[in-house]
Amino acid sequence: MKEKLEHKGYFGTVQFSTDDKVFFGKIQGINDLILFEGKSVSDLEKSFVESVEDYLKTCKEIGKEIVKNGQPERLMPDFFDDENHSEWTW
């Protein structure tokens, strides 16, 4: 039985509310509170992945340092994206 979810090196807790009949969790190791939920395991997994992707996108958009497992994430600058990379010659 998996007790945690993982996506791109981020981990999320897995819990179940008997009152609400819903799975829920929290992304761990970041400096923000991001919760996710789903009525089924598949819904929970999808919600977790969407939450991680939204966290990464939002941090990039607002210029916030991305944190993974309590440590700042060292990312390559935007000029290293795939679109520009394809034009480079070595």
PDB file of N, CA and C in Angstrom:
ATOM      1  N   MET A   1       0.836  -1.171   0.000  1.00  0.00           N
ATOM      2  CA  MET A   1       0.000   0.000   0.000  1.00  0.00           C
ATOM      3  C   MET A   1       0.888   1.243   0.000  1.00  0.00           C
ATOM      4  N   LYS A   2       0.623   2.174  -0.913  1.00  0.00           N
ATOM      5  CA  LYS A   2       1.368   3.428  -0.961  1.00  0.00           C
ATOM      6  C   LYS A   2       0.809   4.395   0.073  1.00  0.00           C
ATOM      7  N   GLU A   3       1.704   4.957   0.861  1.00  0.00           N
ATOM      8  CA  GLU A   3       1.292   5.941   1.844  1.00  0.00           C
ATOM      9  C   GLU A   3       1.591   7.356   1.388  1.00  0.00           C
ATOM     10  N   LYS A   4       2.333   7.480   0.286  1.00  0.00           N
ATOM     11  CA  LYS A   4       2.676   8.780  -0.272  1.00  0.00           C
ATOM     12  C   LYS A   4       2.577   8.723  -1.789  1.00  0.00           C
ATOM     13  N   LEU A   5       2.302   9.871  -2.380  1.00  0.00           N
ATOM     14  CA  LEU A   5       2.311  10.017  -3.826  1.00  0.00           C
ATOM     15  C   LEU A   5       3.602  10.718  -4.215  1.00  0.00           C
ATOM     16  N   GLU A   6       4.077  10.503  -5.452  1.00  0.00           N
ATOM     17  CA  GLU A   6       5.294  11.147  -5.927  1.00  0.00           C
ATOM     18  C   GLU A   6       5.091  11.626  -7.349  1.00  0.00           C
ATOM     19  N   HIS A   7       5.542  12.852  -7.626  1.00  0.00           N
ATOM     20  CA  HIS A   7       5.518  13.411  -8.985  1.00  0.00           C
ATOM     21  C   HIS A   7       6.648  14.416  -9.083  1.00  0.00           C
ATOM     22  N   LYS A   8       7.567  14.202 -10.022  1.00  0.00           N
ATOM     23  CA  LYS A   8       8.702  15.090 -10.261  1.00  0.00           C
ATOM     24  C   LYS A   8       9.524  15.335  -8.993  1.00  0.00           C
ATOM     25  N   GLY A   9       9.608  14.326  -8.149  1.00  0.00           N
ATOM     26  CA  GLY A   9      10.393  14.444  -6.927  1.00  0.00           C
ATOM     27  C   GLY A   9       9.663  15.091  -5.764  1.00  0.00           C
ATOM     28  N   TYR A  10       8.410  15.460  -5.966  1.00  0.00           N
ATOM     29  CA  TYR A  10       7.582  16.017  -4.889  1.00  0.00           C
ATOM     30  C   TYR A  10       6.747  14.891  -4.305  1.00  0.00           C
ATOM     31  N   PHE A  11       6.503  14.955  -3.008  1.00  0.00           N
ATOM     32  CA  PHE A  11       5.744  13.924  -2.329  1.00  0.00           C
ATOM     33  C   PHE A  11       4.479  14.504  -1.716  1.00  0.00           C
ATOM     34  N   GLY A  12       3.427  13.708  -1.729  1.00  0.00           N
ATOM     35  CA  GLY A  12       2.167  14.107  -1.125  1.00  0.00           C
ATOM     36  C   GLY A  12       1.664  13.039  -0.182  1.00  0.00           C
ATOM     37  N   THR A  13       1.053  13.479   0.895  1.00  0.00           N
ATOM     38  CA  THR A  13       0.479  12.543   1.856  1.00  0.00           C
ATOM     39  C   THR A  13      -0.817  11.974   1.299  1.00  0.00           C
ATOM     40  N   VAL A  14      -1.252  10.866   1.862  1.00  0.00           N
ATOM     41  CA  VAL A  14      -2.523  10.245   1.479  1.00  0.00           C
ATOM     42  C   VAL A  14      -3.312   9.983   2.756  1.00  0.00           C
ATOM     43  N   GLN A  15      -4.505  10.573   2.829  1.00  0.00           N
ATOM     44  CA  GLN A  15      -5.386  10.349   3.979  1.00  0.00           C
ATOM     45  C   GLN A  15      -6.810  10.188   3.465  1.00  0.00           C
ATOM     46  N   PHE A  16      -7.669   9.698   4.334  1.00  0.00           N
ATOM     47  CA  PHE A  16      -9.074   9.507   3.967  1.00  0.00           C
ATOM     48  C   PHE A  16      -9.965  10.052   5.078  1.00  0.00           C
ATOM     49  N   SER A  17     -10.963  10.836   4.688  1.00  0.00           N
ATOM     50  CA  SER A  17     -11.935  11.357   5.645  1.00  0.00           C
ATOM     51  C   SER A  17     -13.179  10.484   5.590  1.00  0.00           C
ATOM     52  N   THR A  18     -13.453   9.794   6.683  1.00  0.00           N
ATOM     53  CA  THR A  18     -14.663   8.959   6.724  1.00  0.00           C
ATOM     54  C   THR A  18     -15.919   9.822   6.786  1.00  0.00           C
ATOM     55  N   ASP A  19     -15.814  11.009   7.363  1.00  0.00           N
ATOM     56  CA  ASP A  19     -16.963  11.912   7.432  1.00  0.00           C
ATOM     57  C   ASP A  19     -17.375  12.417   6.046  1.00  0.00           C
ATOM     58  N   ASP A  20     -16.367  12.840   5.270  1.00  0.00           N
ATOM     59  CA  ASP A  20     -16.636  13.420   3.953  1.00  0.00           C
ATOM     60  C   ASP A  20     -16.565  12.401   2.817  1.00  0.00           C
ATOM     61  N   LYS A  21     -16.082  11.197   3.123  1.00  0.00           N
ATOM     62  CA  LYS A  21     -15.913  10.140   2.117  1.00  0.00           C
ATOM     63  C   LYS A  21     -15.037  10.615   0.953  1.00  0.00           C
ATOM     64  N   VAL A  22     -13.882  11.201   1.309  1.00  0.00           N
ATOM     65  CA  VAL A  22     -12.972  11.737   0.304  1.00  0.00           C
ATOM     66  C   VAL A  22     -11.526  11.496   0.736  1.00  0.00           C
ATOM     67  N   PHE A  23     -10.668  11.236  -0.256  1.00  0.00           N
ATOM     68  CA  PHE A  23      -9.232  11.155  -0.027  1.00  0.00           C
ATOM     69  C   PHE A  23      -8.677  12.575  -0.089  1.00  0.00           C
ATOM     70  N   PHE A  24      -7.642  12.851   0.695  1.00  0.00           N
ATOM     71  CA  PHE A  24      -7.024  14.172   0.649  1.00  0.00           C
ATOM     72  C   PHE A  24      -5.560  14.055   1.028  1.00  0.00           C
ATOM     73  N   GLY A  25      -4.818  15.094   0.735  1.00  0.00           N
ATOM     74  CA  GLY A  25      -3.408  15.090   1.079  1.00  0.00           C
ATOM     75  C   GLY A  25      -2.815  16.473   0.978  1.00  0.00           C
ATOM     76  N   LYS A  26      -1.511  16.542   1.267  1.00  0.00           N
ATOM     77  CA  LYS A  26      -0.754  17.787   1.280  1.00  0.00           C
ATOM     78  C   LYS A  26       0.581  17.528   0.605  1.00  0.00           C
ATOM     79  N   ILE A  27       1.029  18.495  -0.194  1.00  0.00           N
ATOM     80  CA  ILE A  27       2.371  18.398  -0.764  1.00  0.00           C
ATOM     81  C   ILE A  27       3.363  18.678   0.349  1.00  0.00           C
ATOM     82  N   GLN A  28       4.336  17.812   0.495  1.00  0.00           N
ATOM     83  CA  GLN A  28       5.331  17.938   1.565  1.00  0.00           C
ATOM     84  C   GLN A  28       6.627  18.542   1.036  1.00  0.00           C
ATOM     85  N   GLY A  29       7.402  19.154   1.934  1.00  0.00           N
ATOM     86  CA  GLY A  29       8.732  19.627   1.588  1.00  0.00           C
ATOM     87  C   GLY A  29       8.782  20.958   0.866  1.00  0.00           C
ATOM     88  N   ILE A  30       7.672  21.719   0.875  1.00  0.00           N
ATOM     89  CA  ILE A  30       7.660  23.040   0.265  1.00  0.00           C
ATOM     90  C   ILE A  30       7.292  24.067   1.337  1.00  0.00           C
ATOM     91  N   ASN A  31       7.511  25.346   1.026  1.00  0.00           N
ATOM     92  CA  ASN A  31       7.238  26.402   1.999  1.00  0.00           C
ATOM     93  C   ASN A  31       5.837  26.971   1.873  1.00  0.00           C
ATOM     94  N   ASP A  32       4.950  26.254   1.247  1.00  0.00           N
ATOM     95  CA  ASP A  32       3.569  26.673   1.054  1.00  0.00           C
ATOM     96  C   ASP A  32       2.644  25.551   1.502  1.00  0.00           C
ATOM     97  N   LEU A  33       1.396  25.887   1.743  1.00  0.00           N
ATOM     98  CA  LEU A  33       0.395  24.880   2.082  1.00  0.00           C
ATOM     99  C   LEU A  33      -0.448  24.615   0.844  1.00  0.00           C
ATOM    100  N   ILE A  34      -0.260  23.443   0.254  1.00  0.00           N
ATOM    101  CA  ILE A  34      -1.025  23.054  -0.928  1.00  0.00           C
ATOM    102  C   ILE A  34      -1.692  21.724  -0.635  1.00  0.00           C
ATOM    103  N   LEU A  35      -3.020  21.744  -0.633  1.00  0.00           N
ATOM    104  CA  LEU A  35      -3.824  20.556  -0.379  1.00  0.00           C
ATOM    105  C   LEU A  35      -4.456  20.076  -1.675  1.00  0.00           C
ATOM    106  N   PHE A  36      -4.792  18.796  -1.735  1.00  0.00           N
ATOM    107  CA  PHE A  36      -5.463  18.224  -2.902  1.00  0.00           C
ATOM    108  C   PHE A  36      -6.419  17.155  -2.396  1.00  0.00           C
ATOM    109  N   GLU A  37      -7.414  16.829  -3.210  1.00  0.00           N
ATOM    110  CA  GLU A  37      -8.381  15.811  -2.782  1.00  0.00           C
ATOM    111  C   GLU A  37      -8.999  15.122  -3.980  1.00  0.00           C
ATOM    112  N   GLY A  38      -9.655  14.002  -3.710  1.00  0.00           N
ATOM    113  CA  GLY A  38     -10.354  13.251  -4.748  1.00  0.00           C
ATOM    114  C   GLY A  38     -11.295  12.233  -4.134  1.00  0.00           C
ATOM    115  N   LYS A  39     -12.365  11.930  -4.852  1.00  0.00           N
ATOM    116  CA  LYS A  39     -13.342  10.950  -4.355  1.00  0.00           C
ATOM    117  C   LYS A  39     -12.882   9.512  -4.563  1.00  0.00           C
ATOM    118  N   SER A  40     -11.892   9.328  -5.441  1.00  0.00           N
ATOM    119  CA  SER A  40     -11.318   7.999  -5.672  1.00  0.00           C
ATOM    120  C   SER A  40      -9.798   8.129  -5.659  1.00  0.00           C
ATOM    121  N   VAL A  41      -9.107   7.009  -5.640  1.00  0.00           N
ATOM    122  CA  VAL A  41      -7.647   7.036  -5.673  1.00  0.00           C
ATOM    123  C   VAL A  41      -7.173   7.686  -6.967  1.00  0.00           C
ATOM    124  N   SER A  42      -7.814   7.357  -8.081  1.00  0.00           N
ATOM    125  CA  SER A  42      -7.448   7.964  -9.366  1.00  0.00           C
ATOM    126  C   SER A  42      -7.642   9.472  -9.341  1.00  0.00           C
ATOM    127  N   ASP A  43      -8.760   9.922  -8.766  1.00  0.00           N
ATOM    128  CA  ASP A  43      -9.014  11.361  -8.641  1.00  0.00           C
ATOM    129  C   ASP A  43      -7.956  12.027  -7.759  1.00  0.00           C
ATOM    130  N   LEU A  44      -7.569  11.361  -6.676  1.00  0.00           N
ATOM    131  CA  LEU A  44      -6.557  11.897  -5.771  1.00  0.00           C
ATOM    132  C   LEU A  44      -5.220  12.031  -6.492  1.00  0.00           C
ATOM    133  N   GLU A  45      -4.824  10.999  -7.220  1.00  0.00           N
ATOM    134  CA  GLU A  45      -3.560  11.039  -7.952  1.00  0.00           C
ATOM    135  C   GLU A  45      -3.564  12.162  -8.989  1.00  0.00           C
ATOM    136  N   LYS A  46      -4.659  12.301  -9.708  1.00  0.00           N
ATOM    137  CA  LYS A  46      -4.779  13.361 -10.715  1.00  0.00           C
ATOM    138  C   LYS A  46      -4.702  14.735 -10.055  1.00  0.00           C
ATOM    139  N   SER A  47      -5.397  14.913  -8.949  1.00  0.00           N
ATOM    140  CA  SER A  47      -5.400  16.178  -8.228  1.00  0.00           C
ATOM    141  C   SER A  47      -4.000  16.513  -7.698  1.00  0.00           C
ATOM    142  N   PHE A  48      -3.279  15.509  -7.240  1.00  0.00           N
ATOM    143  CA  PHE A  48      -1.916  15.707  -6.748  1.00  0.00           C
ATOM    144  C   PHE A  48      -1.004  16.188  -7.868  1.00  0.00           C
ATOM    145  N   VAL A  49      -1.032  15.506  -9.002  1.00  0.00           N
ATOM    146  CA  VAL A  49      -0.193  15.893 -10.146  1.00  0.00           C
ATOM    147  C   VAL A  49      -0.530  17.320 -10.587  1.00  0.00           C
ATOM    148  N   GLU A  50      -1.820  17.632 -10.683  1.00  0.00           N
ATOM    149  CA  GLU A  50      -2.237  18.985 -11.068  1.00  0.00           C
ATOM    150  C   GLU A  50      -1.749  20.016 -10.054  1.00  0.00           C
ATOM    151  N   SER A  51      -1.766  19.676  -8.783  1.00  0.00           N
ATOM    152  CA  SER A  51      -1.314  20.592  -7.730  1.00  0.00           C
ATOM    153  C   SER A  51       0.180  20.859  -7.832  1.00  0.00           C
ATOM    154  N   VAL A  52       0.970  19.825  -8.084  1.00  0.00           N
ATOM    155  CA  VAL A  52       2.417  19.999  -8.246  1.00  0.00           C
ATOM    156  C   VAL A  52       2.697  20.871  -9.466  1.00  0.00           C
ATOM    157  N   GLU A  53       2.046  20.560 -10.581  1.00  0.00           N
ATOM    158  CA  GLU A  53       2.265  21.326 -11.803  1.00  0.00           C
ATOM    159  C   GLU A  53       1.860  22.787 -11.609  1.00  0.00           C
ATOM    160  N   ASP A  54       0.751  23.029 -10.917  1.00  0.00           N
ATOM    161  CA  ASP A  54       0.292  24.391 -10.655  1.00  0.00           C
ATOM    162  C   ASP A  54       1.282  25.120  -9.746  1.00  0.00           C
ATOM    163  N   TYR A  55       1.817  24.433  -8.751  1.00  0.00           N
ATOM    164  CA  TYR A  55       2.817  25.017  -7.856  1.00  0.00           C
ATOM    165  C   TYR A  55       4.032  25.472  -8.664  1.00  0.00           C
ATOM    166  N   LEU A  56       4.544  24.606  -9.526  1.00  0.00           N
ATOM    167  CA  LEU A  56       5.723  24.939 -10.332  1.00  0.00           C
ATOM    168  C   LEU A  56       5.443  26.109 -11.269  1.00  0.00           C
ATOM    169  N   LYS A  57       4.287  26.076 -11.918  1.00  0.00           N
ATOM    170  CA  LYS A  57       3.905  27.142 -12.853  1.00  0.00           C
ATOM    171  C   LYS A  57       3.754  28.474 -12.120  1.00  0.00           C
ATOM    172  N   THR A  58       3.078  28.464 -10.983  1.00  0.00           N
ATOM    173  CA  THR A  58       2.843  29.688 -10.221  1.00  0.00           C
ATOM    174  C   THR A  58       4.157  30.280  -9.712  1.00  0.00           C
ATOM    175  N   CYS A  59       5.040  29.433  -9.185  1.00  0.00           N
ATOM    176  CA  CYS A  59       6.337  29.925  -8.710  1.00  0.00           C
ATOM    177  C   CYS A  59       7.100  30.602  -9.841  1.00  0.00           C
ATOM    178  N   LYS A  60       7.092  29.989 -11.004  1.00  0.00           N
ATOM    179  CA  LYS A  60       7.797  30.559 -12.154  1.00  0.00           C
ATOM    180  C   LYS A  60       7.172  31.895 -12.561  1.00  0.00           C
ATOM    181  N   GLU A  61       5.843  31.959 -12.599  1.00  0.00           N
ATOM    182  CA  GLU A  61       5.145  33.172 -13.026  1.00  0.00           C
ATOM    183  C   GLU A  61       5.385  34.347 -12.085  1.00  0.00           C
ATOM    184  N   ILE A  62       5.445  34.083 -10.784  1.00  0.00           N
ATOM    185  CA  ILE A  62       5.601  35.188  -9.830  1.00  0.00           C
ATOM    186  C   ILE A  62       7.056  35.380  -9.391  1.00  0.00           C
ATOM    187  N   GLY A  63       7.949  34.568  -9.931  1.00  0.00           N
ATOM    188  CA  GLY A  63       9.362  34.700  -9.608  1.00  0.00           C
ATOM    189  C   GLY A  63       9.734  34.216  -8.217  1.00  0.00           C
ATOM    190  N   LYS A  64       8.946  33.298  -7.698  1.00  0.00           N
ATOM    191  CA  LYS A  64       9.215  32.750  -6.364  1.00  0.00           C
ATOM    192  C   LYS A  64      10.179  31.571  -6.474  1.00  0.00           C
ATOM    193  N   GLU A  65      11.081  31.475  -5.513  1.00  0.00           N
ATOM    194  CA  GLU A  65      12.022  30.365  -5.488  1.00  0.00           C
ATOM    195  C   GLU A  65      11.267  29.047  -5.304  1.00  0.00           C
ATOM    196  N   ILE A  66      11.553  28.092  -6.149  1.00  0.00           N
ATOM    197  CA  ILE A  66      10.909  26.779  -6.062  1.00  0.00           C
ATOM    198  C   ILE A  66      11.660  25.940  -5.030  1.00  0.00           C
ATOM    199  N   VAL A  67      10.899  25.326  -4.143  1.00  0.00           N
ATOM    200  CA  VAL A  67      11.478  24.500  -3.088  1.00  0.00           C
ATOM    201  C   VAL A  67      11.018  23.058  -3.277  1.00  0.00           C
ATOM    202  N   LYS A  68      11.961  22.132  -3.135  1.00  0.00           N
ATOM    203  CA  LYS A  68      11.632  20.696  -3.205  1.00  0.00           C
ATOM    204  C   LYS A  68      12.300  20.016  -2.031  1.00  0.00           C
ATOM    205  N   ASN A  69      11.516  19.305  -1.252  1.00  0.00           N
ATOM    206  CA  ASN A  69      12.024  18.583  -0.086  1.00  0.00           C
ATOM    207  C   ASN A  69      12.819  19.492   0.850  1.00  0.00           C
ATOM    208  N   GLY A  70      12.305  20.714   1.015  1.00  0.00           N
ATOM    209  CA  GLY A  70      12.900  21.659   1.942  1.00  0.00           C
ATOM    210  C   GLY A  70      14.110  22.413   1.415  1.00  0.00           C
ATOM    211  N   GLN A  71      14.521  22.136   0.177  1.00  0.00           N
ATOM    212  CA  GLN A  71      15.704  22.773  -0.409  1.00  0.00           C
ATOM    213  C   GLN A  71      15.320  23.558  -1.660  1.00  0.00           C
ATOM    214  N   PRO A  72      15.971  24.720  -1.887  1.00  0.00           N
ATOM    215  CA  PRO A  72      15.706  25.463  -3.128  1.00  0.00           C
ATOM    216  C   PRO A  72      16.055  24.598  -4.339  1.00  0.00           C
ATOM    217  N   GLU A  73      15.235  24.656  -5.343  1.00  0.00           N
ATOM    218  CA  GLU A  73      15.432  23.896  -6.578  1.00  0.00           C
ATOM    219  C   GLU A  73      16.275  24.731  -7.526  1.00  0.00           C
ATOM    220  N   ARG A  74      17.324  24.181  -8.027  1.00  0.00           N
ATOM    221  CA  ARG A  74      18.187  24.892  -8.976  1.00  0.00           C
ATOM    222  C   ARG A  74      17.685  24.587 -10.389  1.00  0.00           C
ATOM    223  N   LEU A  75      17.082  25.593 -11.006  1.00  0.00           N
ATOM    224  CA  LEU A  75      16.528  25.413 -12.346  1.00  0.00           C
ATOM    225  C   LEU A  75      17.376  26.161 -13.365  1.00  0.00           C
ATOM    226  N   MET A  76      17.369  25.662 -14.588  1.00  0.00           N
ATOM    227  CA  MET A  76      18.043  26.335 -15.670  1.00  0.00           C
ATOM    228  C   MET A  76      17.216  27.554 -16.076  1.00  0.00           C
ATOM    229  N   PRO A  77      17.856  28.631 -16.506  1.00  0.00           N
ATOM    230  CA  PRO A  77      17.112  29.801 -16.960  1.00  0.00           C
ATOM    231  C   PRO A  77      16.227  29.483 -18.160  1.00  0.00           C
ATOM    232  N   ASP A  78      15.239  30.363 -18.406  1.00  0.00           N
ATOM    233  CA  ASP A  78      14.298  30.148 -19.502  1.00  0.00           C
ATOM    234  C   ASP A  78      14.975  29.999 -20.855  1.00  0.00           C
ATOM    235  N   PHE A  79      16.144  30.618 -21.041  1.00  0.00           N
ATOM    236  CA  PHE A  79      16.761  30.525 -22.362  1.00  0.00           C
ATOM    237  C   PHE A  79      17.278  29.132 -22.673  1.00  0.00           C
ATOM    238  N   PHE A  80      17.158  28.211 -21.752  1.00  0.00           N
ATOM    239  CA  PHE A  80      17.518  26.821 -22.003  1.00  0.00           C
ATOM    240  C   PHE A  80      16.303  25.961 -22.342  1.00  0.00           C
ATOM    241  N   ASP A  81      15.170  26.575 -22.659  1.00  0.00           N
ATOM    242  CA  ASP A  81      13.991  25.777 -22.965  1.00  0.00           C
ATOM    243  C   ASP A  81      14.158  25.057 -24.302  1.00  0.00           C
ATOM    244  N   ASP A  82      13.305  24.087 -24.575  1.00  0.00           N
ATOM    245  CA  ASP A  82      13.427  23.249 -25.771  1.00  0.00           C
ATOM    246  C   ASP A  82      13.343  24.047 -27.057  1.00  0.00           C
ATOM    247  N   GLU A  83      12.489  25.076 -27.074  1.00  0.00           N
ATOM    248  CA  GLU A  83      12.297  25.847 -28.294  1.00  0.00           C
ATOM    249  C   GLU A  83      13.600  26.517 -28.725  1.00  0.00           C
ATOM    250  N   ASN A  84      14.272  27.170 -27.812  1.00  0.00           N
ATOM    251  CA  ASN A  84      15.535  27.826 -28.141  1.00  0.00           C
ATOM    252  C   ASN A  84      16.672  26.828 -28.327  1.00  0.00           C
ATOM    253  N   HIS A  85      16.638  25.765 -27.585  1.00  0.00           N
ATOM    254  CA  HIS A  85      17.685  24.762 -27.646  1.00  0.00           C
ATOM    255  C   HIS A  85      17.804  24.150 -29.044  1.00  0.00           C
ATOM    256  N   SER A  86      16.673  23.982 -29.723  1.00  0.00           N
ATOM    257  CA  SER A  86      16.690  23.344 -31.049  1.00  0.00           C
ATOM    258  C   SER A  86      17.421  24.191 -32.080  1.00  0.00           C
ATOM    259  N   GLU A  87      17.596  25.485 -31.801  1.00  0.00           N
ATOM    260  CA  GLU A  87      18.273  26.374 -32.751  1.00  0.00           C
ATOM    261  C   GLU A  87      19.781  26.415 -32.526  1.00  0.00           C
ATOM    262  N   TRP A  88      20.248  25.850 -31.437  1.00  0.00           N
ATOM    263  CA  TRP A  88      21.668  25.905 -31.137  1.00  0.00           C
ATOM    264  C   TRP A  88      22.458  24.934 -32.014  1.00  0.00           C
ATOM    265  N   THR A  89      23.679  25.298 -32.305  1.00  0.00           N
ATOM    266  CA  THR A  89      24.581  24.368 -32.983  1.00  0.00           C
ATOM    267  C   THR A  89      25.794  24.199 -32.081  1.00  0.00           C
ATOM    268  N   TRP A  90      26.341  23.021 -32.080  1.00  0.00           N
ATOM    269  CA  TRP A  90      27.474  22.724 -31.184  1.00  0.00           C
ATOM    270  C   TRP A  90      28.731  22.607 -31.975  1.00  0.00           C
TER     271      TRP A  90
END
